[in-house]
Structure formats: C-alpha cells, structure tokens
C-alpha cells in the first residue's frame, strides 16, 4: 500500500473516531514501528489510534478469511485468489508476483471497505 493511501485511510478512520480520540499516552513510549509509520505518513500523534484500528481490521480479516494466495494454472499462467463471505475472488496475471499483488490489493480494499 502506498504511503499516501495509508495516510488517507488513517485520517478517515481518525475522523470517525474524533470525539473519543484522546491520543496516545504521553507517559508510554511508542514502539519503533509506530514511530516510523507516523513519520513516514506524516501523522499527528492523535491519529495513531486510527492507525491501530486499521491494523486490527486487517489482522481480523487475515484470521477470519486467510490471506490471498497465488498458484499456477494448467495453461502456464498464474491466478491470485482469496475467500470472503461473498464467495471466492480470483484474478489471472502473467506472473506469480503480479497475480498475488492484484489479489492482495483487492483483499485489502474489501476489508477496509
């Protein structure tokens, strides 16, 4: 996911949580990965709760529906696929990497709605 899109998603999530958002506890230091993501996406410290909510939604989707996968077709191409409540999704591509990338992008888009 591109940095700009991640920042947009976090800002949207923060707007939905705005009344309850207090920001992180100033007494508790941030883990290194959150510090990195906050700086890379140019997020304010009070938007970290929204980032955590997005991460939880992705993790819950991973646990519930499993991750996308890629496999070779009989014709020699590649297919990326995943399962979801609405049924199976698949996409064909010329390489394993591309098929997985396309399936993963759609999987995340559907999870985050």
PDB file of N, CA and C in Angstrom:
ATOM      1  N   UNK A   1       0.855  -1.168   0.000  1.00  0.00           N
ATOM      2  CA  UNK A   1       0.000   0.000   0.000  1.00  0.00           C
ATOM      3  C   UNK A   1       0.897   1.226   0.000  1.00  0.00           C
ATOM      4  N   UNK A   2       0.554   2.167  -0.819  1.00  0.00           N
ATOM      5  CA  UNK A   2       1.363   3.367  -0.904  1.00  0.00           C
ATOM      6  C   UNK A   2       1.180   4.237   0.331  1.00  0.00           C
ATOM      7  N   UNK A   3       2.239   4.952   0.657  1.00  0.00           N
ATOM      8  CA  UNK A   3       2.257   5.784   1.854  1.00  0.00           C
ATOM      9  C   UNK A   3       1.112   6.790   1.855  1.00  0.00           C
ATOM     10  N   UNK A   4       0.854   7.407   0.707  1.00  0.00           N
ATOM     11  CA  UNK A   4      -0.197   8.421   0.632  1.00  0.00           C
ATOM     12  C   UNK A   4      -1.567   7.808   0.919  1.00  0.00           C
ATOM     13  N   UNK A   5      -1.845   6.617   0.364  1.00  0.00           N
ATOM     14  CA  UNK A   5      -3.134   5.973   0.588  1.00  0.00           C
ATOM     15  C   UNK A   5      -3.298   5.557   2.046  1.00  0.00           C
ATOM     16  N   UNK A   6      -2.215   5.037   2.649  1.00  0.00           N
ATOM     17  CA  UNK A   6      -2.274   4.668   4.064  1.00  0.00           C
ATOM     18  C   UNK A   6      -2.591   5.890   4.910  1.00  0.00           C
ATOM     19  N   UNK A   7      -1.949   7.001   4.607  1.00  0.00           N
ATOM     20  CA  UNK A   7      -2.213   8.225   5.361  1.00  0.00           C
ATOM     21  C   UNK A   7      -3.671   8.654   5.207  1.00  0.00           C
ATOM     22  N   UNK A   8      -4.238   8.526   3.993  1.00  0.00           N
ATOM     23  CA  UNK A   8      -5.643   8.882   3.780  1.00  0.00           C
ATOM     24  C   UNK A   8      -6.565   7.984   4.606  1.00  0.00           C
ATOM     25  N   UNK A   9      -6.283   6.674   4.606  1.00  0.00           N
ATOM     26  CA  UNK A   9      -7.107   5.750   5.373  1.00  0.00           C
ATOM     27  C   UNK A   9      -7.063   6.065   6.864  1.00  0.00           C
ATOM     28  N   UNK A  10      -5.887   6.368   7.356  1.00  0.00           N
ATOM     29  CA  UNK A  10      -5.750   6.687   8.780  1.00  0.00           C
ATOM     30  C   UNK A  10      -6.508   7.962   9.105  1.00  0.00           C
ATOM     31  N   UNK A  11      -6.420   8.966   8.252  1.00  0.00           N
ATOM     32  CA  UNK A  11      -7.141  10.215   8.509  1.00  0.00           C
ATOM     33  C   UNK A  11      -8.656   9.996   8.492  1.00  0.00           C
ATOM     34  N   UNK A  12      -9.143   9.166   7.546  1.00  0.00           N
ATOM     35  CA  UNK A  12     -10.578   8.850   7.509  1.00  0.00           C
ATOM     36  C   UNK A  12     -11.014   8.145   8.788  1.00  0.00           C
ATOM     37  N   UNK A  13     -10.218   7.184   9.228  1.00  0.00           N
ATOM     38  CA  UNK A  13     -10.533   6.446  10.453  1.00  0.00           C
ATOM     39  C   UNK A  13     -10.503   7.387  11.659  1.00  0.00           C
ATOM     40  N   UNK A  14      -9.561   8.314  11.674  1.00  0.00           N
ATOM     41  CA  UNK A  14      -9.449   9.258  12.788  1.00  0.00           C
ATOM     42  C   UNK A  14     -10.671  10.178  12.843  1.00  0.00           C
ATOM     43  N   UNK A  15     -11.173  10.569  11.685  1.00  0.00           N
ATOM     44  CA  UNK A  15     -12.367  11.422  11.665  1.00  0.00           C
ATOM     45  C   UNK A  15     -13.575  10.688  12.241  1.00  0.00           C
ATOM     46  N   UNK A  16     -13.670   9.387  11.995  1.00  0.00           N
ATOM     47  CA  UNK A  16     -14.789   8.611  12.525  1.00  0.00           C
ATOM     48  C   UNK A  16     -14.677   8.461  14.035  1.00  0.00           C
ATOM     49  N   UNK A  17     -13.449   8.431  14.552  1.00  0.00           N
ATOM     50  CA  UNK A  17     -13.229   8.266  15.989  1.00  0.00           C
ATOM     51  C   UNK A  17     -12.997   9.597  16.693  1.00  0.00           C
ATOM     52  N   UNK A  18     -13.125  10.707  16.009  1.00  0.00           N
ATOM     53  CA  UNK A  18     -12.739  12.018  16.532  1.00  0.00           C
ATOM     54  C   UNK A  18     -13.254  12.338  17.926  1.00  0.00           C
ATOM     55  N   UNK A  19     -14.526  12.132  18.234  1.00  0.00           N
ATOM     56  CA  UNK A  19     -14.984  12.518  19.572  1.00  0.00           C
ATOM     57  C   UNK A  19     -14.303  11.746  20.700  1.00  0.00           C
ATOM     58  N   UNK A  20     -13.968  10.484  20.459  1.00  0.00           N
ATOM     59  CA  UNK A  20     -13.386   9.663  21.517  1.00  0.00           C
ATOM     60  C   UNK A  20     -11.868   9.696  21.537  1.00  0.00           C
ATOM     61  N   UNK A  21     -11.254  10.244  20.501  1.00  0.00           N
ATOM     62  CA  UNK A  21      -9.793  10.194  20.393  1.00  0.00           C
ATOM     63  C   UNK A  21      -9.134  11.103  21.426  1.00  0.00           C
ATOM     64  N   UNK A  22      -8.274  10.542  22.206  1.00  0.00           N
ATOM     65  CA  UNK A  22      -7.519  11.299  23.188  1.00  0.00           C
ATOM     66  C   UNK A  22      -6.042  11.390  22.804  1.00  0.00           C
ATOM     67  N   UNK A  23      -5.619  10.542  21.883  1.00  0.00           N
ATOM     68  CA  UNK A  23      -4.214  10.483  21.520  1.00  0.00           C
ATOM     69  C   UNK A  23      -3.498   9.481  22.401  1.00  0.00           C
ATOM     70  N   UNK A  24      -2.258   9.165  22.048  1.00  0.00           N
ATOM     71  CA  UNK A  24      -1.519   8.181  22.832  1.00  0.00           C
ATOM     72  C   UNK A  24      -1.136   8.725  24.201  1.00  0.00           C
ATOM     73  N   UNK A  25      -0.896   7.830  25.129  1.00  0.00           N
ATOM     74  CA  UNK A  25      -0.478   8.189  26.476  1.00  0.00           C
ATOM     75  C   UNK A  25       0.932   8.766  26.412  1.00  0.00           C
ATOM     76  N   UNK A  26       1.128  10.023  26.809  1.00  0.00           N
ATOM     77  CA  UNK A  26       2.459  10.626  26.722  1.00  0.00           C
ATOM     78  C   UNK A  26       3.482   9.945  27.622  1.00  0.00           C
ATOM     79  N   UNK A  27       3.015   9.233  28.640  1.00  0.00           N
ATOM     80  CA  UNK A  27       3.928   8.536  29.555  1.00  0.00           C
ATOM     81  C   UNK A  27       4.523   7.287  28.912  1.00  0.00           C
ATOM     82  N   UNK A  28       3.766   6.672  27.980  1.00  0.00           N
ATOM     83  CA  UNK A  28       4.193   5.422  27.364  1.00  0.00           C
ATOM     84  C   UNK A  28       4.920   5.705  26.050  1.00  0.00           C
ATOM     85  N   UNK A  29       6.167   5.242  25.900  1.00  0.00           N
ATOM     86  CA  UNK A  29       6.883   5.482  24.640  1.00  0.00           C
ATOM     87  C   UNK A  29       6.283   4.647  23.512  1.00  0.00           C
ATOM     88  N   UNK A  30       6.358   5.169  22.299  1.00  0.00           N
ATOM     89  CA  UNK A  30       5.824   4.456  21.143  1.00  0.00           C
ATOM     90  C   UNK A  30       6.782   3.370  20.685  1.00  0.00           C
ATOM     91  N   UNK A  31       6.259   2.247  20.208  1.00  0.00           N
ATOM     92  CA  UNK A  31       7.136   1.225  19.624  1.00  0.00           C
ATOM     93  C   UNK A  31       7.812   1.796  18.376  1.00  0.00           C
ATOM     94  N   UNK A  32       8.986   1.294  18.019  1.00  0.00           N
ATOM     95  CA  UNK A  32       9.718   1.836  16.870  1.00  0.00           C
ATOM     96  C   UNK A  32       8.921   1.812  15.559  1.00  0.00           C
ATOM     97  N   UNK A  33       8.129   0.749  15.315  1.00  0.00           N
ATOM     98  CA  UNK A  33       7.400   0.690  14.052  1.00  0.00           C
ATOM     99  C   UNK A  33       6.341   1.779  13.965  1.00  0.00           C
ATOM    100  N   UNK A  34       5.691   2.123  15.092  1.00  0.00           N
ATOM    101  CA  UNK A  34       4.696   3.191  15.066  1.00  0.00           C
ATOM    102  C   UNK A  34       5.357   4.549  14.853  1.00  0.00           C
ATOM    103  N   UNK A  35       6.509   4.740  15.450  1.00  0.00           N
ATOM    104  CA  UNK A  35       7.235   5.989  15.247  1.00  0.00           C
ATOM    105  C   UNK A  35       7.598   6.142  13.778  1.00  0.00           C
ATOM    106  N   UNK A  36       8.062   5.036  13.164  1.00  0.00           N
ATOM    107  CA  UNK A  36       8.439   5.061  11.753  1.00  0.00           C
ATOM    108  C   UNK A  36       7.231   5.366  10.865  1.00  0.00           C
ATOM    109  N   UNK A  37       6.129   4.645  11.076  1.00  0.00           N
ATOM    110  CA  UNK A  37       4.931   4.847  10.251  1.00  0.00           C
ATOM    111  C   UNK A  37       4.380   6.255  10.448  1.00  0.00           C
ATOM    112  N   UNK A  38       4.377   6.723  11.681  1.00  0.00           N
ATOM    113  CA  UNK A  38       3.866   8.080  11.945  1.00  0.00           C
ATOM    114  C   UNK A  38       4.674   9.120  11.183  1.00  0.00           C
ATOM    115  N   UNK A  39       5.992   8.970  11.175  1.00  0.00           N
ATOM    116  CA  UNK A  39       6.844   9.931  10.465  1.00  0.00           C
ATOM    117  C   UNK A  39       6.698   9.795   8.957  1.00  0.00           C
ATOM    118  N   UNK A  40       6.663   8.566   8.461  1.00  0.00           N
ATOM    119  CA  UNK A  40       6.559   8.337   7.019  1.00  0.00           C
ATOM    120  C   UNK A  40       5.251   8.859   6.449  1.00  0.00           C
ATOM    121  N   UNK A  41       4.163   8.683   7.167  1.00  0.00           N
ATOM    122  CA  UNK A  41       2.842   9.108   6.695  1.00  0.00           C
ATOM    123  C   UNK A  41       2.484  10.513   7.147  1.00  0.00           C
ATOM    124  N   UNK A  42       3.383  11.127   7.893  1.00  0.00           N
ATOM    125  CA  UNK A  42       3.166  12.487   8.411  1.00  0.00           C
ATOM    126  C   UNK A  42       1.869  12.577   9.217  1.00  0.00           C
ATOM    127  N   UNK A  43       1.735  11.662  10.153  1.00  0.00           N
ATOM    128  CA  UNK A  43       0.552  11.615  11.006  1.00  0.00           C
ATOM    129  C   UNK A  43       0.803  12.344  12.310  1.00  0.00           C
ATOM    130  N   UNK A  44      -0.255  12.905  12.846  1.00  0.00           N
ATOM    131  CA  UNK A  44      -0.161  13.509  14.169  1.00  0.00           C
ATOM    132  C   UNK A  44      -0.235  12.394  15.206  1.00  0.00           C
ATOM    133  N   UNK A  45       0.299  12.602  16.389  1.00  0.00           N
ATOM    134  CA  UNK A  45       0.242  11.563  17.424  1.00  0.00           C
ATOM    135  C   UNK A  45      -1.174  11.122  17.767  1.00  0.00           C
ATOM    136  N   UNK A  46      -2.161  12.021  17.655  1.00  0.00           N
ATOM    137  CA  UNK A  46      -3.535  11.636  17.977  1.00  0.00           C
ATOM    138  C   UNK A  46      -4.169  10.748  16.908  1.00  0.00           C
ATOM    139  N   UNK A  47      -3.525  10.566  15.773  1.00  0.00           N
ATOM    140  CA  UNK A  47      -4.058   9.706  14.721  1.00  0.00           C
ATOM    141  C   UNK A  47      -3.563   8.263  14.842  1.00  0.00           C
ATOM    142  N   UNK A  48      -2.724   7.969  15.817  1.00  0.00           N
ATOM    143  CA  UNK A  48      -2.190   6.624  15.979  1.00  0.00           C
ATOM    144  C   UNK A  48      -3.268   5.618  16.374  1.00  0.00           C
ATOM    145  N   UNK A  49      -4.285   6.054  17.091  1.00  0.00           N
ATOM    146  CA  UNK A  49      -5.384   5.146  17.437  1.00  0.00           C
ATOM    147  C   UNK A  49      -6.106   4.687  16.172  1.00  0.00           C
ATOM    148  N   UNK A  50      -6.268   5.597  15.216  1.00  0.00           N
ATOM    149  CA  UNK A  50      -6.908   5.236  13.952  1.00  0.00           C
ATOM    150  C   UNK A  50      -6.042   4.249  13.175  1.00  0.00           C
ATOM    151  N   UNK A  51      -4.741   4.441  13.208  1.00  0.00           N
ATOM    152  CA  UNK A  51      -3.827   3.509  12.541  1.00  0.00           C
ATOM    153  C   UNK A  51      -3.929   2.128  13.179  1.00  0.00           C
ATOM    154  N   UNK A  52      -4.017   2.089  14.486  1.00  0.00           N
ATOM    155  CA  UNK A  52      -4.157   0.822  15.197  1.00  0.00           C
ATOM    156  C   UNK A  52      -5.478   0.146  14.835  1.00  0.00           C
ATOM    157  N   UNK A  53      -6.552   0.917  14.702  1.00  0.00           N
ATOM    158  CA  UNK A  53      -7.852   0.351  14.327  1.00  0.00           C
ATOM    159  C   UNK A  53      -7.795  -0.263  12.929  1.00  0.00           C
ATOM    160  N   UNK A  54      -7.125   0.413  11.994  1.00  0.00           N
ATOM    161  CA  UNK A  54      -6.975  -0.144  10.647  1.00  0.00           C
ATOM    162  C   UNK A  54      -6.171  -1.441  10.677  1.00  0.00           C
ATOM    163  N   UNK A  55      -5.103  -1.448  11.442  1.00  0.00           N
ATOM    164  CA  UNK A  55      -4.273  -2.653  11.545  1.00  0.00           C
ATOM    165  C   UNK A  55      -5.068  -3.813  12.138  1.00  0.00           C
ATOM    166  N   UNK A  56      -5.906  -3.524  13.109  1.00  0.00           N
ATOM    167  CA  UNK A  56      -6.739  -4.579  13.706  1.00  0.00           C
ATOM    168  C   UNK A  56      -7.730  -5.148  12.696  1.00  0.00           C
ATOM    169  N   UNK A  57      -8.319  -4.266  11.869  1.00  0.00           N
ATOM    170  CA  UNK A  57      -9.260  -4.739  10.851  1.00  0.00           C
ATOM    171  C   UNK A  57      -8.572  -5.662   9.858  1.00  0.00           C
ATOM    172  N   UNK A  58      -7.359  -5.330   9.450  1.00  0.00           N
ATOM    173  CA  UNK A  58      -6.612  -6.187   8.527  1.00  0.00           C
ATOM    174  C   UNK A  58      -6.251  -7.512   9.203  1.00  0.00           C
ATOM    175  N   UNK A  59      -5.801  -7.457  10.455  1.00  0.00           N
ATOM    176  CA  UNK A  59      -5.432  -8.680  11.173  1.00  0.00           C
ATOM    177  C   UNK A  59      -6.646  -9.588  11.385  1.00  0.00           C
ATOM    178  N   UNK A  60      -7.792  -9.015  11.726  1.00  0.00           N
ATOM    179  CA  UNK A  60      -9.007  -9.810  11.905  1.00  0.00           C
ATOM    180  C   UNK A  60      -9.431 -10.453  10.582  1.00  0.00           C
ATOM    181  N   UNK A  61      -9.315  -9.711   9.491  1.00  0.00           N
ATOM    182  CA  UNK A  61      -9.630 -10.266   8.176  1.00  0.00           C
ATOM    183  C   UNK A  61      -8.688 -11.399   7.815  1.00  0.00           C
ATOM    184  N   UNK A  62      -7.428 -11.236   8.148  1.00  0.00           N
ATOM    185  CA  UNK A  62      -6.427 -12.275   7.888  1.00  0.00           C
ATOM    186  C   UNK A  62      -6.795 -13.547   8.666  1.00  0.00           C
ATOM    187  N   UNK A  63      -7.148 -13.371   9.935  1.00  0.00           N
ATOM    188  CA  UNK A  63      -7.517 -14.522  10.769  1.00  0.00           C
ATOM    189  C   UNK A  63      -8.819 -15.173  10.296  1.00  0.00           C
ATOM    190  N   UNK A  64      -9.781 -14.370   9.911  1.00  0.00           N
ATOM    191  CA  UNK A  64     -11.090 -14.895   9.545  1.00  0.00           C
ATOM    192  C   UNK A  64     -11.112 -15.523   8.149  1.00  0.00           C
ATOM    193  N   UNK A  65     -10.504 -14.859   7.174  1.00  0.00           N
ATOM    194  CA  UNK A  65     -10.630 -15.306   5.794  1.00  0.00           C
ATOM    195  C   UNK A  65      -9.336 -15.850   5.197  1.00  0.00           C
ATOM    196  N   UNK A  66      -8.246 -15.785   5.929  1.00  0.00           N
ATOM    197  CA  UNK A  66      -6.937 -16.186   5.429  1.00  0.00           C
ATOM    198  C   UNK A  66      -6.432 -15.134   4.439  1.00  0.00           C
ATOM    199  N   UNK A  67      -5.199 -15.263   4.069  1.00  0.00           N
ATOM    200  CA  UNK A  67      -4.572 -14.292   3.179  1.00  0.00           C
ATOM    201  C   UNK A  67      -4.743 -14.716   1.726  1.00  0.00           C
ATOM    202  N   UNK A  68      -4.591 -13.787   0.796  1.00  0.00           N
ATOM    203  CA  UNK A  68      -4.611 -14.155  -0.617  1.00  0.00           C
ATOM    204  C   UNK A  68      -3.450 -15.097  -0.939  1.00  0.00           C
ATOM    205  N   UNK A  69      -3.621 -15.854  -2.002  1.00  0.00           N
ATOM    206  CA  UNK A  69      -2.540 -16.744  -2.429  1.00  0.00           C
ATOM    207  C   UNK A  69      -2.453 -16.730  -3.945  1.00  0.00           C
ATOM    208  N   UNK A  70      -1.365 -17.302  -4.478  1.00  0.00           N
ATOM    209  CA  UNK A  70      -1.157 -17.372  -5.921  1.00  0.00           C
ATOM    210  C   UNK A  70      -0.806 -18.810  -6.289  1.00  0.00           C
ATOM    211  N   UNK A  71      -1.281 -19.245  -7.451  1.00  0.00           N
ATOM    212  CA  UNK A  71      -0.994 -20.603  -7.927  1.00  0.00           C
ATOM    213  C   UNK A  71      -0.908 -20.596  -9.449  1.00  0.00           C
ATOM    214  N   UNK A  72      -0.187 -21.573  -9.982  1.00  0.00           N
ATOM    215  CA  UNK A  72      -0.038 -21.700 -11.437  1.00  0.00           C
ATOM    216  C   UNK A  72      -1.279 -22.383 -12.023  1.00  0.00           C
ATOM    217  N   UNK A  73      -1.693 -21.902 -13.187  1.00  0.00           N
ATOM    218  CA  UNK A  73      -2.817 -22.521 -13.884  1.00  0.00           C
ATOM    219  C   UNK A  73      -2.307 -23.633 -14.805  1.00  0.00           C
ATOM    220  N   UNK A  74      -3.207 -24.449 -15.323  1.00  0.00           N
ATOM    221  CA  UNK A  74      -2.821 -25.518 -16.246  1.00  0.00           C
ATOM    222  C   UNK A  74      -2.250 -24.964 -17.555  1.00  0.00           C
ATOM    223  N   UNK A  75      -2.672 -23.775 -17.915  1.00  0.00           N
ATOM    224  CA  UNK A  75      -2.192 -23.147 -19.151  1.00  0.00           C
ATOM    225  C   UNK A  75      -0.830 -22.489 -18.980  1.00  0.00           C
ATOM    226  N   UNK A  76      -0.302 -22.456 -17.762  1.00  0.00           N
ATOM    227  CA  UNK A  76       1.011 -21.859 -17.512  1.00  0.00           C
ATOM    228  C   UNK A  76       0.972 -20.447 -16.966  1.00  0.00           C
ATOM    229  N   UNK A  77      -0.208 -19.851 -16.844  1.00  0.00           N
ATOM    230  CA  UNK A  77      -0.320 -18.526 -16.259  1.00  0.00           C
ATOM    231  C   UNK A  77      -0.392 -18.622 -14.734  1.00  0.00           C
ATOM    232  N   UNK A  78      -0.753 -17.549 -14.111  1.00  0.00           N
ATOM    233  CA  UNK A  78      -0.862 -17.506 -12.652  1.00  0.00           C
ATOM    234  C   UNK A  78      -2.211 -16.932 -12.256  1.00  0.00           C
ATOM    235  N   UNK A  79      -2.733 -17.421 -11.160  1.00  0.00           N
ATOM    236  CA  UNK A  79      -4.000 -16.918 -10.630  1.00  0.00           C
ATOM    237  C   UNK A  79      -3.813 -16.574  -9.154  1.00  0.00           C
ATOM    238  N   UNK A  80      -4.267 -15.383  -8.780  1.00  0.00           N
ATOM    239  CA  UNK A  80      -4.263 -14.963  -7.379  1.00  0.00           C
ATOM    240  C   UNK A  80      -5.693 -15.061  -6.868  1.00  0.00           C
ATOM    241  N   UNK A  81      -5.874 -15.527  -5.643  1.00  0.00           N
ATOM    242  CA  UNK A  81      -7.238 -15.713  -5.152  1.00  0.00           C
ATOM    243  C   UNK A  81      -7.324 -15.560  -3.644  1.00  0.00           C
ATOM    244  N   UNK A  82      -8.574 -15.393  -3.178  1.00  0.00           N
ATOM    245  CA  UNK A  82      -8.862 -15.384  -1.751  1.00  0.00           C
ATOM    246  C   UNK A  82     -10.334 -15.690  -1.554  1.00  0.00           C
ATOM    247  N   UNK A  83     -10.680 -16.116  -0.346  1.00  0.00           N
ATOM    248  CA  UNK A  83     -12.066 -16.392   0.041  1.00  0.00           C
ATOM    249  C   UNK A  83     -12.574 -15.233   0.885  1.00  0.00           C
ATOM    250  N   UNK A  84     -13.862 -14.961   0.753  1.00  0.00           N
ATOM    251  CA  UNK A  84     -14.513 -13.934   1.560  1.00  0.00           C
ATOM    252  C   UNK A  84     -15.949 -14.360   1.781  1.00  0.00           C
ATOM    253  N   UNK A  85     -16.679 -13.657   2.639  1.00  0.00           N
ATOM    254  CA  UNK A  85     -18.055 -14.056   2.906  1.00  0.00           C
ATOM    255  C   UNK A  85     -18.915 -14.107   1.634  1.00  0.00           C
ATOM    256  N   UNK A  86     -18.659 -13.243   0.687  1.00  0.00           N
ATOM    257  CA  UNK A  86     -19.451 -13.217  -0.544  1.00  0.00           C
ATOM    258  C   UNK A  86     -19.047 -14.281  -1.544  1.00  0.00           C
ATOM    259  N   UNK A  87     -18.033 -15.073  -1.264  1.00  0.00           N
ATOM    260  CA  UNK A  87     -17.569 -16.110  -2.186  1.00  0.00           C
ATOM    261  C   UNK A  87     -16.094 -15.947  -2.499  1.00  0.00           C
ATOM    262  N   UNK A  88     -15.660 -16.672  -3.493  1.00  0.00           N
ATOM    263  CA  UNK A  88     -14.252 -16.639  -3.872  1.00  0.00           C
ATOM    264  C   UNK A  88     -13.988 -15.521  -4.875  1.00  0.00           C
ATOM    265  N   UNK A  89     -12.782 -14.990  -4.832  1.00  0.00           N
ATOM    266  CA  UNK A  89     -12.337 -13.973  -5.786  1.00  0.00           C
ATOM    267  C   UNK A  89     -11.049 -14.484  -6.408  1.00  0.00           C
ATOM    268  N   UNK A  90     -10.911 -14.331  -7.708  1.00  0.00           N
ATOM    269  CA  UNK A  90      -9.660 -14.721  -8.352  1.00  0.00           C
ATOM    270  C   UNK A  90      -9.350 -13.762  -9.487  1.00  0.00           C
ATOM    271  N   UNK A  91      -8.068 -13.635  -9.785  1.00  0.00           N
ATOM    272  CA  UNK A  91      -7.595 -12.774 -10.856  1.00  0.00           C
ATOM    273  C   UNK A  91      -6.413 -13.463 -11.531  1.00  0.00           C
ATOM    274  N   UNK A  92      -6.356 -13.400 -12.848  1.00  0.00           N
ATOM    275  CA  UNK A  92      -5.252 -14.006 -13.585  1.00  0.00           C
ATOM    276  C   UNK A  92      -4.246 -12.949 -13.976  1.00  0.00           C
ATOM    277  N   UNK A  93      -2.980 -13.365 -14.025  1.00  0.00           N
ATOM    278  CA  UNK A  93      -1.894 -12.474 -14.424  1.00  0.00           C
ATOM    279  C   UNK A  93      -0.776 -13.311 -15.045  1.00  0.00           C
ATOM    280  N   UNK A  94       0.210 -12.632 -15.616  1.00  0.00           N
ATOM    281  CA  UNK A  94       1.290 -13.335 -16.306  1.00  0.00           C
ATOM    282  C   UNK A  94       2.381 -13.826 -15.359  1.00  0.00           C
ATOM    283  N   UNK A  95       2.445 -13.274 -14.157  1.00  0.00           N
ATOM    284  CA  UNK A  95       3.478 -13.705 -13.206  1.00  0.00           C
ATOM    285  C   UNK A  95       2.863 -13.966 -11.833  1.00  0.00           C
ATOM    286  N   UNK A  96       3.568 -14.751 -11.054  1.00  0.00           N
ATOM    287  CA  UNK A  96       3.102 -15.065  -9.709  1.00  0.00           C
ATOM    288  C   UNK A  96       3.021 -13.802  -8.860  1.00  0.00           C
ATOM    289  N   UNK A  97       4.048 -12.987  -8.963  1.00  0.00           N
ATOM    290  CA  UNK A  97       4.095 -11.751  -8.184  1.00  0.00           C
ATOM    291  C   UNK A  97       2.922 -10.834  -8.513  1.00  0.00           C
ATOM    292  N   UNK A  98       2.645 -10.670  -9.815  1.00  0.00           N
ATOM    293  CA  UNK A  98       1.563  -9.791 -10.232  1.00  0.00           C
ATOM    294  C   UNK A  98       0.199 -10.329  -9.799  1.00  0.00           C
ATOM    295  N   UNK A  99      -0.015 -11.637  -9.921  1.00  0.00           N
ATOM    296  CA  UNK A  99      -1.310 -12.204  -9.522  1.00  0.00           C
ATOM    297  C   UNK A  99      -1.527 -12.047  -8.018  1.00  0.00           C
ATOM    298  N   UNK A 100      -0.479 -12.267  -7.231  1.00  0.00           N
ATOM    299  CA  UNK A 100      -0.596 -12.100  -5.783  1.00  0.00           C
ATOM    300  C   UNK A 100      -0.836 -10.631  -5.432  1.00  0.00           C
ATOM    301  N   UNK A 101      -0.128  -9.733  -6.098  1.00  0.00           N
ATOM    302  CA  UNK A 101      -0.276  -8.303  -5.828  1.00  0.00           C
ATOM    303  C   UNK A 101      -1.703  -7.842  -6.117  1.00  0.00           C
ATOM    304  N   UNK A 102      -2.263  -8.267  -7.247  1.00  0.00           N
ATOM    305  CA  UNK A 102      -3.632  -7.873  -7.595  1.00  0.00           C
ATOM    306  C   UNK A 102      -4.656  -8.440  -6.616  1.00  0.00           C
ATOM    307  N   UNK A 103      -4.478  -9.711  -6.230  1.00  0.00           N
ATOM    308  CA  UNK A 103      -5.402 -10.322  -5.270  1.00  0.00           C
ATOM    309  C   UNK A 103      -5.291  -9.643  -3.904  1.00  0.00           C
ATOM    310  N   UNK A 104      -4.063  -9.367  -3.482  1.00  0.00           N
ATOM    311  CA  UNK A 104      -3.855  -8.724  -2.176  1.00  0.00           C
ATOM    312  C   UNK A 104      -4.467  -7.326  -2.155  1.00  0.00           C
ATOM    313  N   UNK A 105      -4.301  -6.577  -3.243  1.00  0.00           N
ATOM    314  CA  UNK A 105      -4.856  -5.219  -3.309  1.00  0.00           C
ATOM    315  C   UNK A 105      -6.382  -5.259  -3.169  1.00  0.00           C
ATOM    316  N   UNK A 106      -7.030  -6.185  -3.870  1.00  0.00           N
ATOM    317  CA  UNK A 106      -8.484  -6.300  -3.789  1.00  0.00           C
ATOM    318  C   UNK A 106      -8.924  -6.767  -2.408  1.00  0.00           C
ATOM    319  N   UNK A 107      -8.154  -7.696  -1.826  1.00  0.00           N
ATOM    320  CA  UNK A 107      -8.456  -8.207  -0.483  1.00  0.00           C
ATOM    321  C   UNK A 107      -8.454  -7.077   0.539  1.00  0.00           C
ATOM    322  N   UNK A 108      -7.425  -6.248   0.508  1.00  0.00           N
ATOM    323  CA  UNK A 108      -7.335  -5.113   1.450  1.00  0.00           C
ATOM    324  C   UNK A 108      -8.435  -4.115   1.176  1.00  0.00           C
ATOM    325  N   UNK A 109      -8.709  -3.836  -0.091  1.00  0.00           N
ATOM    326  CA  UNK A 109      -9.766  -2.873  -0.438  1.00  0.00           C
ATOM    327  C   UNK A 109     -11.114  -3.334   0.111  1.00  0.00           C
ATOM    328  N   UNK A 110     -11.403  -4.617  -0.002  1.00  0.00           N
ATOM    329  CA  UNK A 110     -12.684  -5.131   0.500  1.00  0.00           C
ATOM    330  C   UNK A 110     -12.725  -5.158   2.024  1.00  0.00           C
ATOM    331  N   UNK A 111     -11.591  -5.459   2.644  1.00  0.00           N
ATOM    332  CA  UNK A 111     -11.555  -5.470   4.115  1.00  0.00           C
ATOM    333  C   UNK A 111     -11.796  -4.082   4.697  1.00  0.00           C
ATOM    334  N   UNK A 112     -11.167  -3.088   4.101  1.00  0.00           N
ATOM    335  CA  UNK A 112     -11.262  -1.736   4.638  1.00  0.00           C
ATOM    336  C   UNK A 112     -12.449  -0.964   4.086  1.00  0.00           C
ATOM    337  N   UNK A 113     -13.113  -1.557   3.103  1.00  0.00           N
ATOM    338  CA  UNK A 113     -14.361  -1.031   2.555  1.00  0.00           C
ATOM    339  C   UNK A 113     -14.274   0.373   2.102  1.00  0.00           C
TER     340      UNK A 113
END
